Amino acid sequence: MKEENLDEKVPVRAYTKADLAMLYNPGVCITTALQLLRRWIYANRQLMAELQEAGYNKNRHSYLPLEVKLIFKYLGEP
Protein backbone atom coordinates (compact mmCIF):
# COMPACT_ATOMS: atom_id res chain seq x y z
CA MET A 1 0.00 0.00 0.00
CA LYS A 2 1.35 3.42 -0.96
CA GLU A 3 2.06 5.80 1.92
CA GLU A 4 0.21 9.07 1.79
CA ASN A 5 2.47 12.11 2.07
CA LEU A 6 0.61 14.63 4.21
CA ASP A 7 3.03 17.41 3.22
CA GLU A 8 2.05 17.24 -0.46
CA LYS A 9 0.46 20.40 -1.75
CA VAL A 10 -2.54 20.44 -4.01
CA PRO A 11 -1.29 21.89 -7.32
CA VAL A 12 -2.70 25.16 -8.58
CA ARG A 13 -4.15 24.29 -11.98
CA ALA A 14 -7.53 24.25 -13.69
CA TYR A 15 -10.07 22.03 -11.91
CA THR A 16 -13.62 21.14 -12.76
CA LYS A 17 -15.95 22.53 -10.12
CA ALA A 18 -16.86 18.99 -9.14
CA ASP A 19 -13.23 17.93 -8.72
CA LEU A 20 -12.36 20.94 -6.57
CA ALA A 21 -15.52 20.54 -4.50
CA MET A 22 -14.66 16.89 -3.83
CA LEU A 23 -11.13 17.87 -2.74
CA TYR A 24 -12.64 20.17 -0.11
CA ASN A 25 -15.44 17.75 0.87
CA PRO A 26 -14.27 14.19 0.22
CA GLY A 27 -16.78 12.46 2.49
CA VAL A 28 -20.01 13.71 0.90
CA CYS A 29 -21.86 13.19 -2.37
CA ILE A 30 -20.86 15.37 -5.29
CA THR A 31 -24.02 17.50 -5.19
CA THR A 32 -23.52 18.36 -1.55
CA ALA A 33 -19.81 19.03 -2.11
CA LEU A 34 -20.63 21.47 -4.92
CA GLN A 35 -23.25 23.25 -2.80
CA LEU A 36 -20.87 23.61 0.15
CA LEU A 37 -18.02 24.99 -1.94
CA ARG A 38 -20.35 27.44 -3.70
CA ARG A 39 -21.71 28.65 -0.33
CA TRP A 40 -18.22 29.15 1.07
CA ILE A 41 -17.14 31.10 -2.00
CA TYR A 42 -20.25 33.30 -2.14
CA ALA A 43 -20.09 33.97 1.62
CA ASN A 44 -16.58 35.39 1.29
CA ARG A 45 -17.06 38.87 -0.17
CA GLN A 46 -13.36 39.53 -0.69
CA LEU A 47 -12.96 36.25 -2.55
CA MET A 48 -16.00 36.96 -4.72
CA ALA A 49 -14.71 40.46 -5.53
CA GLU A 50 -11.33 39.11 -6.61
CA LEU A 51 -12.91 36.28 -8.60
CA GLN A 52 -15.14 38.74 -10.45
CA GLU A 53 -12.11 40.94 -11.13
CA ALA A 54 -10.36 37.89 -12.57
CA GLY A 55 -13.28 37.22 -14.95
CA TYR A 56 -15.09 34.50 -13.00
CA ASN A 57 -18.07 33.04 -14.85
CA LYS A 58 -20.48 31.17 -12.57
CA ASN A 59 -21.79 29.18 -15.55
CA ARG A 60 -18.39 27.75 -16.49
CA HIS A 61 -17.93 24.13 -15.39
CA SER A 62 -14.35 24.63 -14.26
CA TYR A 63 -12.15 27.02 -12.31
CA LEU A 64 -9.16 28.53 -14.09
CA PRO A 65 -5.74 28.38 -12.40
CA LEU A 66 -5.98 32.03 -11.26
CA GLU A 67 -9.41 31.35 -9.74
CA VAL A 68 -8.06 28.25 -7.97
CA LYS A 69 -5.18 30.31 -6.60
CA LEU A 70 -7.65 32.85 -5.20
CA ILE A 71 -9.85 30.13 -3.70
CA PHE A 72 -6.80 28.59 -2.01
CA LYS A 73 -5.78 32.04 -0.75
CA TYR A 74 -9.11 32.67 0.98
CA LEU A 75 -10.35 29.17 1.85
CA GLY A 76 -7.01 27.45 2.33
CA GLU A 77 -5.80 24.42 0.44
CA PRO A 78 -8.07 21.37 0.55
C-alpha atoms as a PDB file:
ATOM      1  CA  MET A   1       0.000   0.000   0.000  1.00  0.00           C
ATOM      2  CA  LYS A   2       1.354   3.421  -0.964  1.00  0.00           C
ATOM      3  CA  GLU A   3       2.059   5.798   1.922  1.00  0.00           C
ATOM      4  CA  GLU A   4       0.210   9.075   1.793  1.00  0.00           C
ATOM      5  CA  ASN A   5       2.468  12.115   2.069  1.00  0.00           C
ATOM      6  CA  LEU A   6       0.607  14.634   4.207  1.00  0.00           C
ATOM      7  CA  ASP A   7       3.028  17.410   3.217  1.00  0.00           C
ATOM      8  CA  GLU A   8       2.050  17.240  -0.459  1.00  0.00           C
ATOM      9  CA  LYS A   9       0.458  20.395  -1.752  1.00  0.00           C
ATOM     10  CA  VAL A  10      -2.538  20.443  -4.015  1.00  0.00           C
ATOM     11  CA  PRO A  11      -1.292  21.888  -7.322  1.00  0.00           C
ATOM     12  CA  VAL A  12      -2.695  25.164  -8.579  1.00  0.00           C
ATOM     13  CA  ARG A  13      -4.152  24.287 -11.977  1.00  0.00           C
ATOM     14  CA  ALA A  14      -7.530  24.255 -13.687  1.00  0.00           C
ATOM     15  CA  TYR A  15     -10.073  22.030 -11.910  1.00  0.00           C
ATOM     16  CA  THR A  16     -13.621  21.144 -12.758  1.00  0.00           C
ATOM     17  CA  LYS A  17     -15.948  22.532 -10.122  1.00  0.00           C
ATOM     18  CA  ALA A  18     -16.861  18.988  -9.142  1.00  0.00           C
ATOM     19  CA  ASP A  19     -13.226  17.926  -8.719  1.00  0.00           C
ATOM     20  CA  LEU A  20     -12.357  20.939  -6.571  1.00  0.00           C
ATOM     21  CA  ALA A  21     -15.515  20.538  -4.497  1.00  0.00           C
ATOM     22  CA  MET A  22     -14.662  16.894  -3.827  1.00  0.00           C
ATOM     23  CA  LEU A  23     -11.135  17.865  -2.737  1.00  0.00           C
ATOM     24  CA  TYR A  24     -12.643  20.167  -0.114  1.00  0.00           C
ATOM     25  CA  ASN A  25     -15.440  17.749   0.874  1.00  0.00           C
ATOM     26  CA  PRO A  26     -14.271  14.189   0.224  1.00  0.00           C
ATOM     27  CA  GLY A  27     -16.782  12.465   2.492  1.00  0.00           C
ATOM     28  CA  VAL A  28     -20.011  13.707   0.901  1.00  0.00           C
ATOM     29  CA  CYS A  29     -21.857  13.193  -2.367  1.00  0.00           C
ATOM     30  CA  ILE A  30     -20.857  15.367  -5.289  1.00  0.00           C
ATOM     31  CA  THR A  31     -24.023  17.496  -5.195  1.00  0.00           C
ATOM     32  CA  THR A  32     -23.518  18.364  -1.545  1.00  0.00           C
ATOM     33  CA  ALA A  33     -19.811  19.031  -2.107  1.00  0.00           C
ATOM     34  CA  LEU A  34     -20.635  21.472  -4.917  1.00  0.00           C
ATOM     35  CA  GLN A  35     -23.251  23.247  -2.797  1.00  0.00           C
ATOM     36  CA  LEU A  36     -20.873  23.607   0.145  1.00  0.00           C
ATOM     37  CA  LEU A  37     -18.024  24.993  -1.943  1.00  0.00           C
ATOM     38  CA  ARG A  38     -20.349  27.435  -3.698  1.00  0.00           C
ATOM     39  CA  ARG A  39     -21.709  28.647  -0.331  1.00  0.00           C
ATOM     40  CA  TRP A  40     -18.218  29.146   1.065  1.00  0.00           C
ATOM     41  CA  ILE A  41     -17.135  31.100  -2.003  1.00  0.00           C
ATOM     42  CA  TYR A  42     -20.250  33.300  -2.138  1.00  0.00           C
ATOM     43  CA  ALA A  43     -20.094  33.975   1.622  1.00  0.00           C
ATOM     44  CA  ASN A  44     -16.579  35.392   1.295  1.00  0.00           C
ATOM     45  CA  ARG A  45     -17.059  38.872  -0.172  1.00  0.00           C
ATOM     46  CA  GLN A  46     -13.357  39.533  -0.695  1.00  0.00           C
ATOM     47  CA  LEU A  47     -12.957  36.249  -2.554  1.00  0.00           C
ATOM     48  CA  MET A  48     -16.001  36.962  -4.722  1.00  0.00           C
ATOM     49  CA  ALA A  49     -14.713  40.461  -5.527  1.00  0.00           C
ATOM     50  CA  GLU A  50     -11.326  39.108  -6.605  1.00  0.00           C
ATOM     51  CA  LEU A  51     -12.906  36.282  -8.597  1.00  0.00           C
ATOM     52  CA  GLN A  52     -15.137  38.739 -10.453  1.00  0.00           C
ATOM     53  CA  GLU A  53     -12.112  40.939 -11.127  1.00  0.00           C
ATOM     54  CA  ALA A  54     -10.359  37.890 -12.572  1.00  0.00           C
ATOM     55  CA  GLY A  55     -13.276  37.221 -14.950  1.00  0.00           C
ATOM     56  CA  TYR A  56     -15.091  34.503 -13.002  1.00  0.00           C
ATOM     57  CA  ASN A  57     -18.069  33.043 -14.845  1.00  0.00           C
ATOM     58  CA  LYS A  58     -20.481  31.166 -12.573  1.00  0.00           C
ATOM     59  CA  ASN A  59     -21.793  29.177 -15.550  1.00  0.00           C
ATOM     60  CA  ARG A  60     -18.393  27.748 -16.486  1.00  0.00           C
ATOM     61  CA  HIS A  61     -17.927  24.126 -15.390  1.00  0.00           C
ATOM     62  CA  SER A  62     -14.348  24.634 -14.258  1.00  0.00           C
ATOM     63  CA  TYR A  63     -12.147  27.019 -12.313  1.00  0.00           C
ATOM     64  CA  LEU A  64      -9.164  28.530 -14.093  1.00  0.00           C
ATOM     65  CA  PRO A  65      -5.739  28.383 -12.400  1.00  0.00           C
ATOM     66  CA  LEU A  66      -5.983  32.034 -11.263  1.00  0.00           C
ATOM     67  CA  GLU A  67      -9.407  31.352  -9.740  1.00  0.00           C
ATOM     68  CA  VAL A  68      -8.065  28.250  -7.968  1.00  0.00           C
ATOM     69  CA  LYS A  69      -5.176  30.314  -6.604  1.00  0.00           C
ATOM     70  CA  LEU A  70      -7.653  32.851  -5.196  1.00  0.00           C
ATOM     71  CA  ILE A  71      -9.847  30.135  -3.705  1.00  0.00           C
ATOM     72  CA  PHE A  72      -6.796  28.585  -2.007  1.00  0.00           C
ATOM     73  CA  LYS A  73      -5.777  32.038  -0.745  1.00  0.00           C
ATOM     74  CA  TYR A  74      -9.112  32.667   0.978  1.00  0.00           C
ATOM     75  CA  LEU A  75     -10.348  29.170   1.847  1.00  0.00           C
ATOM     76  CA  GLY A  76      -7.012  27.450   2.332  1.00  0.00           C
ATOM     77  CA  GLU A  77      -5.805  24.419   0.443  1.00  0.00           C
ATOM     78  CA  PRO A  78      -8.069  21.372   0.554  1.00  0.00           C
END
